[in-house]
Amino acid sequence: MAATTTIGFAIPASAPAIPTVLVRANRRRRITPQAGHALEILAHARDYLTDEFVHTGLIFPANN
C-alpha cells in the first residue's frame, strides 16, 4: 500500500506581481528574403524527413 505525505514541504507563497508590458497585437516580424527562403528550405526538409520516417513504418513515440 502506497502512501504520500506532505510533511516537511513548505507551501510556496504566491509570486509577486510584475508590471505588464504593452505589446502591440498586430506587430509583424520583418525578415529578409534570404531568411524567408532559408526557412522555406528548412520546412521542406523537415516535411521530407517526416514523410520518410513514416513511410518506413516507424511511429513517433510519446517520449521522443
N, C-alpha and C. Protein backbone atom coordinates (compact mmCIF):
# COMPACT_ATOMS: atom_id res chain seq x y z
N MET A 1 0.84 -1.16 0.00
CA MET A 1 0.00 0.00 0.00
C MET A 1 0.90 1.24 0.00
N ALA A 2 0.65 2.13 -0.92
CA ALA A 2 1.46 3.33 -1.05
C ALA A 2 0.79 4.49 -0.33
N ALA A 3 1.59 5.30 0.28
CA ALA A 3 1.07 6.48 0.97
C ALA A 3 1.94 7.68 0.62
N THR A 4 1.31 8.80 0.50
CA THR A 4 2.07 10.03 0.25
C THR A 4 1.90 10.95 1.43
N THR A 5 2.88 11.78 1.64
CA THR A 5 2.82 12.73 2.75
C THR A 5 3.36 14.07 2.29
N THR A 6 2.85 15.11 2.87
CA THR A 6 3.32 16.45 2.53
C THR A 6 4.05 17.08 3.70
N ILE A 7 4.34 16.32 4.72
CA ILE A 7 5.04 16.86 5.88
C ILE A 7 6.47 17.22 5.47
N GLY A 8 6.90 18.39 5.82
CA GLY A 8 8.25 18.81 5.51
C GLY A 8 8.35 19.65 4.25
N PHE A 9 7.26 19.81 3.54
CA PHE A 9 7.28 20.63 2.34
C PHE A 9 6.58 21.94 2.63
N ALA A 10 7.27 23.03 2.37
CA ALA A 10 6.68 24.34 2.60
C ALA A 10 5.79 24.70 1.41
N ILE A 11 4.67 25.30 1.71
CA ILE A 11 3.77 25.76 0.64
C ILE A 11 4.32 27.07 0.12
N PRO A 12 4.59 27.14 -1.18
CA PRO A 12 5.18 28.38 -1.72
C PRO A 12 4.18 29.53 -1.66
N ALA A 13 4.71 30.70 -1.35
CA ALA A 13 3.88 31.91 -1.36
C ALA A 13 3.58 32.28 -2.80
N SER A 14 2.56 33.03 -3.00
CA SER A 14 2.23 33.44 -4.37
C SER A 14 3.33 34.35 -4.91
N ALA A 15 3.51 34.30 -6.20
CA ALA A 15 4.55 35.09 -6.85
C ALA A 15 4.19 36.57 -6.78
N PRO A 16 5.20 37.42 -6.65
CA PRO A 16 4.90 38.86 -6.62
C PRO A 16 4.41 39.33 -7.98
N ALA A 17 3.55 40.30 -7.95
CA ALA A 17 3.02 40.86 -9.19
C ALA A 17 4.10 41.64 -9.91
N ILE A 18 4.15 41.50 -11.21
CA ILE A 18 5.09 42.27 -12.02
C ILE A 18 4.29 43.11 -13.01
N PRO A 19 4.79 44.28 -13.33
CA PRO A 19 4.04 45.11 -14.28
C PRO A 19 4.05 44.48 -15.67
N THR A 20 2.93 44.59 -16.34
CA THR A 20 2.84 44.05 -17.70
C THR A 20 3.32 45.09 -18.69
N VAL A 21 3.86 44.61 -19.77
CA VAL A 21 4.35 45.49 -20.82
C VAL A 21 3.32 45.49 -21.94
N LEU A 22 2.97 46.65 -22.41
CA LEU A 22 2.02 46.73 -23.50
C LEU A 22 2.68 46.24 -24.78
N VAL A 23 2.03 45.29 -25.43
CA VAL A 23 2.55 44.74 -26.67
C VAL A 23 1.53 45.00 -27.76
N ARG A 24 2.00 45.48 -28.86
CA ARG A 24 1.10 45.72 -29.98
C ARG A 24 0.71 44.39 -30.59
N ALA A 25 -0.57 44.13 -30.70
CA ALA A 25 -1.07 42.84 -31.17
C ALA A 25 -0.76 42.60 -32.65
N ASN A 26 -0.72 43.63 -33.45
CA ASN A 26 -0.55 43.46 -34.89
C ASN A 26 0.88 43.67 -35.35
N ARG A 27 1.83 43.55 -34.43
CA ARG A 27 3.23 43.74 -34.80
C ARG A 27 3.72 42.55 -35.60
N ARG A 28 4.21 42.77 -36.78
CA ARG A 28 4.70 41.70 -37.63
C ARG A 28 6.21 41.72 -37.67
N ARG A 29 6.78 40.53 -37.75
CA ARG A 29 8.23 40.44 -37.85
C ARG A 29 8.64 40.74 -39.28
N ARG A 30 9.77 41.37 -39.39
CA ARG A 30 10.34 41.65 -40.71
C ARG A 30 11.59 40.81 -40.87
N ILE A 31 11.63 39.97 -41.88
CA ILE A 31 12.83 39.19 -42.15
C ILE A 31 13.23 39.45 -43.59
N THR A 32 14.48 39.17 -43.85
CA THR A 32 14.99 39.39 -45.20
C THR A 32 14.48 38.29 -46.12
N PRO A 33 14.47 38.54 -47.41
CA PRO A 33 14.06 37.50 -48.35
C PRO A 33 14.95 36.25 -48.24
N GLN A 34 16.24 36.45 -47.96
CA GLN A 34 17.14 35.30 -47.81
C GLN A 34 16.74 34.46 -46.60
N ALA A 35 16.39 35.11 -45.49
CA ALA A 35 15.97 34.38 -44.30
C ALA A 35 14.64 33.65 -44.56
N GLY A 36 13.75 34.27 -45.28
CA GLY A 36 12.49 33.62 -45.63
C GLY A 36 12.72 32.40 -46.50
N HIS A 37 13.62 32.51 -47.44
CA HIS A 37 13.95 31.38 -48.31
C HIS A 37 14.59 30.25 -47.51
N ALA A 38 15.45 30.59 -46.58
CA ALA A 38 16.08 29.57 -45.74
C ALA A 38 15.04 28.85 -44.88
N LEU A 39 14.08 29.59 -44.33
CA LEU A 39 13.02 28.96 -43.55
C LEU A 39 12.17 28.03 -44.40
N GLU A 40 11.93 28.42 -45.63
CA GLU A 40 11.15 27.58 -46.54
C GLU A 40 11.89 26.29 -46.85
N ILE A 41 13.21 26.38 -47.08
CA ILE A 41 14.02 25.19 -47.35
C ILE A 41 14.01 24.26 -46.13
N LEU A 42 14.17 24.83 -44.93
CA LEU A 42 14.15 24.01 -43.72
C LEU A 42 12.80 23.32 -43.52
N ALA A 43 11.72 24.02 -43.81
CA ALA A 43 10.39 23.42 -43.68
C ALA A 43 10.22 22.26 -44.64
N HIS A 44 10.70 22.42 -45.88
CA HIS A 44 10.61 21.32 -46.85
C HIS A 44 11.45 20.13 -46.41
N ALA A 45 12.63 20.40 -45.87
CA ALA A 45 13.49 19.32 -45.39
C ALA A 45 12.84 18.58 -44.23
N ARG A 46 12.24 19.31 -43.33
CA ARG A 46 11.53 18.69 -42.20
C ARG A 46 10.39 17.81 -42.70
N ASP A 47 9.61 18.33 -43.64
CA ASP A 47 8.50 17.55 -44.19
C ASP A 47 9.00 16.29 -44.89
N TYR A 48 10.09 16.41 -45.64
CA TYR A 48 10.65 15.26 -46.33
C TYR A 48 11.10 14.19 -45.34
N LEU A 49 11.83 14.60 -44.30
CA LEU A 49 12.32 13.64 -43.32
C LEU A 49 11.17 12.99 -42.55
N THR A 50 10.14 13.76 -42.24
CA THR A 50 8.98 13.20 -41.55
C THR A 50 8.28 12.18 -42.43
N ASP A 51 8.09 12.51 -43.70
CA ASP A 51 7.45 11.57 -44.63
C ASP A 51 8.26 10.29 -44.78
N GLU A 52 9.57 10.41 -44.86
CA GLU A 52 10.42 9.22 -44.99
C GLU A 52 10.35 8.37 -43.72
N PHE A 53 10.31 9.00 -42.57
CA PHE A 53 10.23 8.28 -41.30
C PHE A 53 8.92 7.50 -41.22
N VAL A 54 7.81 8.15 -41.57
CA VAL A 54 6.50 7.49 -41.52
C VAL A 54 6.41 6.42 -42.60
N HIS A 55 6.99 6.67 -43.76
CA HIS A 55 6.93 5.71 -44.87
C HIS A 55 7.63 4.39 -44.50
N THR A 56 8.65 4.45 -43.67
CA THR A 56 9.35 3.23 -43.27
C THR A 56 8.55 2.43 -42.24
N GLY A 57 7.40 2.96 -41.81
CA GLY A 57 6.55 2.24 -40.89
C GLY A 57 6.83 2.50 -39.44
N LEU A 58 7.70 3.44 -39.16
CA LEU A 58 8.01 3.76 -37.78
C LEU A 58 6.98 4.75 -37.23
N ILE A 59 6.90 4.83 -35.92
CA ILE A 59 5.97 5.76 -35.29
C ILE A 59 6.74 6.73 -34.42
N PHE A 60 6.10 7.81 -34.04
CA PHE A 60 6.70 8.78 -33.14
C PHE A 60 6.30 8.39 -31.72
N PRO A 61 7.22 7.90 -30.90
CA PRO A 61 6.87 7.56 -29.52
C PRO A 61 6.64 8.82 -28.70
N ALA A 62 5.83 8.71 -27.68
CA ALA A 62 5.49 9.87 -26.86
C ALA A 62 6.69 10.43 -26.12
N ASN A 63 7.67 9.58 -25.81
CA ASN A 63 8.82 10.06 -25.04
C ASN A 63 9.97 10.53 -25.91
N ASN A 64 9.80 10.58 -27.20
CA ASN A 64 10.88 11.00 -28.11
C ASN A 64 10.50 12.33 -28.74
